[in-house]
Amino acid sequence: MPATMKANGQSAKPGKGSKPNNGNKASGWFDKMAKASAWLSGRPATFLLSVALIVVWLVTGPFFNFSDTWQLVINTGTTIITFLMVFLIQNTQNRDTAAIHLKLDELIRAVEGARNSAILLEDASEDELVETRNEYVELAEEAKEKLNKHGIKVPPAPECNEQATAAGR
């Protein structure tokens, strides 16, 4: 449960240590830098600046006789940027995934009749996920049968590749 939530689900005032950063000042700094970089790299102006740099590089080719050094400049620059962007993209995906899981967990917790066992499914093994999905497919089939009895036609559920994969193990 987050440090900002009380046991009864009401928000508590965030205090010292309520924002997890793994006890590391570098983590807080990295989070801020990663968020700013992700926002900046997704802007149209950043794309246009990148195109402009490539055009400048291409135009300067004849002045440098298309030398190995001229080629090395663009190769080194793009390699460094790509290498750093991998970590920024992964950080952004990790943050987004964690936020989505927390939001879904809260919805599951708040909805009466929901199975709370679904809250930590992201930690389940692949076999456990396939088994859980099969349970939900069975529930969906039962619901479909009930609807069909009342004259409501429901199209069949698509086949799941995980079922075939699990059966082939």
Protein backbone atom coordinates (compact mmCIF):
# COMPACT_ATOMS: atom_id res chain seq x y z
CA MET A 1 0.00 0.00 0.00
CA PRO A 2 1.45 3.41 -0.91
CA ALA A 3 2.76 5.53 1.92
CA THR A 4 0.19 8.20 1.07
CA MET A 5 -2.79 5.89 1.68
CA LYS A 6 -4.26 5.04 5.06
CA ALA A 7 -5.68 1.60 5.79
CA ASN A 8 -9.21 2.91 5.24
CA GLY A 9 -8.34 4.13 1.71
CA GLN A 10 -8.29 7.83 2.59
CA SER A 11 -5.35 9.91 1.49
CA ALA A 12 -2.79 10.78 4.09
CA LYS A 13 -0.60 13.84 3.94
CA PRO A 14 2.65 12.99 2.22
CA GLY A 15 5.50 13.38 4.62
CA LYS A 16 9.17 12.69 4.76
CA GLY A 17 9.88 9.42 2.99
CA SER A 18 6.41 9.15 1.46
CA LYS A 19 7.78 9.41 -2.06
CA PRO A 20 9.74 6.27 -2.83
CA ASN A 21 13.08 6.89 -4.44
CA ASN A 22 14.86 3.86 -3.07
CA GLY A 23 16.65 6.07 -0.53
CA ASN A 24 18.87 7.43 -3.26
CA LYS A 25 19.16 11.09 -4.26
CA ALA A 26 20.45 10.01 -7.68
CA SER A 27 17.18 8.15 -8.28
CA GLY A 28 15.14 11.31 -7.70
CA TRP A 29 17.44 13.27 -9.98
CA PHE A 30 17.27 10.55 -12.66
CA ASP A 31 13.47 10.42 -12.47
CA LYS A 32 13.21 14.18 -13.05
CA MET A 33 15.75 14.09 -15.87
CA ALA A 34 14.09 11.05 -17.50
CA LYS A 35 10.64 12.67 -17.39
CA ALA A 36 11.97 15.91 -18.87
CA SER A 37 13.96 14.06 -21.56
CA ALA A 38 10.98 11.89 -22.49
CA TRP A 39 8.76 14.96 -22.79
CA LEU A 40 11.38 16.86 -24.79
CA SER A 41 12.24 13.99 -27.13
CA GLY A 42 8.59 13.58 -28.09
CA ARG A 43 8.12 17.17 -29.19
CA PRO A 44 7.78 18.13 -32.87
CA ALA A 45 10.49 20.76 -32.44
CA THR A 46 12.95 18.07 -31.35
CA PHE A 47 12.20 16.06 -34.46
CA LEU A 48 12.66 19.13 -36.66
CA LEU A 49 15.96 19.92 -34.91
CA SER A 50 17.15 16.37 -35.60
CA VAL A 51 16.23 16.67 -39.28
CA ALA A 52 18.02 20.03 -39.43
CA LEU A 53 21.18 18.53 -37.91
CA ILE A 54 21.15 15.73 -40.48
CA VAL A 55 20.69 18.23 -43.31
CA VAL A 56 23.60 20.32 -41.99
CA TRP A 57 25.71 17.17 -41.75
CA LEU A 58 24.82 16.20 -45.33
CA VAL A 59 25.51 19.70 -46.67
CA THR A 60 28.94 19.77 -45.01
CA GLY A 61 29.93 16.46 -46.66
CA PRO A 62 31.52 18.03 -49.75
CA PHE A 63 33.51 20.47 -47.59
CA PHE A 64 35.08 17.55 -45.74
CA ASN A 65 35.41 15.40 -48.90
CA PHE A 66 33.00 12.89 -47.32
CA SER A 67 35.90 11.78 -45.15
CA ASP A 68 35.89 9.00 -42.57
CA THR A 69 35.92 11.64 -39.81
CA TRP A 70 32.84 13.30 -41.32
CA GLN A 71 31.04 9.95 -41.29
CA LEU A 72 32.33 9.14 -37.81
CA VAL A 73 30.72 12.31 -36.42
CA ILE A 74 27.18 11.24 -37.36
CA ASN A 75 27.77 7.59 -36.49
CA THR A 76 29.13 8.40 -33.03
CA GLY A 77 26.43 10.97 -32.31
CA THR A 78 23.55 8.71 -33.29
CA THR A 79 25.04 5.75 -31.42
CA ILE A 80 25.38 7.73 -28.19
CA ILE A 81 21.87 9.18 -28.47
CA THR A 82 20.38 5.76 -29.24
CA PHE A 83 22.22 4.15 -26.32
CA LEU A 84 20.95 6.80 -23.87
CA MET A 85 17.41 6.76 -25.27
CA VAL A 86 17.13 3.01 -24.59
CA PHE A 87 17.44 3.68 -20.86
CA LEU A 88 15.09 6.66 -20.94
CA ILE A 89 12.45 4.71 -22.85
CA GLN A 90 12.75 1.77 -20.44
CA ASN A 91 12.42 4.10 -17.45
CA THR A 92 9.31 5.69 -18.95
CA GLN A 93 7.76 2.30 -19.69
CA ASN A 94 8.53 1.04 -16.18
CA ARG A 95 6.90 4.14 -14.63
CA ASP A 96 3.86 3.93 -16.89
CA THR A 97 3.42 0.21 -16.25
CA ALA A 98 3.69 0.68 -12.48
CA ALA A 99 1.12 3.49 -12.58
CA ILE A 100 -1.30 1.42 -14.67
CA HIS A 101 -0.93 -1.55 -12.30
CA LEU A 102 -1.61 0.66 -9.29
CA LYS A 103 -4.70 2.16 -10.93
CA LEU A 104 -6.04 -1.24 -11.93
CA ASP A 105 -5.28 -2.63 -8.46
CA GLU A 106 -7.27 0.21 -6.91
CA LEU A 107 -10.20 -0.47 -9.24
CA ILE A 108 -10.14 -4.18 -8.40
CA ARG A 109 -9.95 -3.39 -4.70
CA ALA A 110 -12.78 -0.88 -4.87
CA VAL A 111 -15.24 -2.94 -6.94
CA GLU A 112 -17.42 -5.17 -4.82
CA GLY A 113 -17.40 -8.74 -6.06
CA ALA A 114 -14.10 -8.39 -7.92
CA ARG A 115 -11.54 -11.08 -7.31
CA ASN A 116 -8.76 -9.51 -5.28
CA SER A 117 -6.48 -12.35 -6.39
CA ALA A 118 -6.17 -10.47 -9.70
CA ILE A 119 -4.35 -7.60 -8.01
CA LEU A 120 -0.89 -9.17 -8.25
CA LEU A 121 -1.24 -11.00 -11.56
CA GLU A 122 1.73 -9.10 -12.97
CA ASP A 123 3.91 -11.19 -10.62
CA ALA A 124 2.45 -14.52 -11.79
CA SER A 125 4.33 -17.00 -13.96
CA GLU A 126 3.35 -17.48 -17.59
CA ASP A 127 1.62 -20.76 -16.73
CA GLU A 128 -0.37 -19.07 -13.95
CA LEU A 129 -1.40 -16.31 -16.36
CA VAL A 130 -2.58 -18.86 -18.94
CA GLU A 131 -4.52 -20.72 -16.23
CA THR A 132 -6.14 -17.48 -15.03
CA ARG A 133 -6.99 -16.45 -18.58
CA ASN A 134 -8.62 -19.84 -19.14
CA GLU A 135 -10.75 -19.27 -16.02
CA TYR A 136 -11.88 -15.92 -17.41
CA VAL A 137 -12.61 -17.49 -20.80
CA GLU A 138 -14.83 -20.05 -19.03
CA LEU A 139 -16.62 -17.24 -17.16
CA ALA A 140 -17.11 -15.40 -20.46
CA GLU A 141 -18.51 -18.54 -22.09
CA GLU A 142 -20.97 -19.01 -19.21
CA ALA A 143 -22.06 -15.38 -19.54
CA LYS A 144 -22.42 -15.83 -23.31
CA GLU A 145 -24.63 -18.89 -22.80
CA LYS A 146 -26.87 -16.93 -20.43
CA LEU A 147 -27.15 -14.12 -22.97
CA ASN A 148 -27.90 -16.59 -25.77
CA LYS A 149 -30.74 -18.07 -23.68
CA HIS A 150 -32.29 -14.60 -23.64
CA GLY A 151 -31.95 -14.24 -27.40
CA ILE A 152 -28.85 -12.04 -27.37
CA LYS A 153 -26.23 -13.33 -29.84
CA VAL A 154 -22.60 -12.87 -28.84
CA PRO A 155 -19.73 -13.59 -31.26
CA PRO A 156 -17.24 -16.29 -30.20
CA ALA A 157 -14.14 -15.27 -28.26
CA PRO A 158 -10.90 -15.21 -30.26
CA GLU A 159 -8.52 -18.10 -29.72
CA CYS A 160 -5.61 -17.43 -27.41
CA ASN A 161 -2.10 -18.30 -28.62
CA GLU A 162 -1.02 -18.89 -25.01
CA GLN A 163 -3.47 -21.79 -24.78
CA ALA A 164 -1.86 -23.52 -27.74
CA THR A 165 1.62 -22.74 -26.38
CA ALA A 166 0.78 -24.13 -22.93
CA ALA A 167 -0.78 -27.25 -24.43
CA GLY A 168 2.33 -27.89 -26.53
CA ARG A 169 4.71 -27.87 -23.56
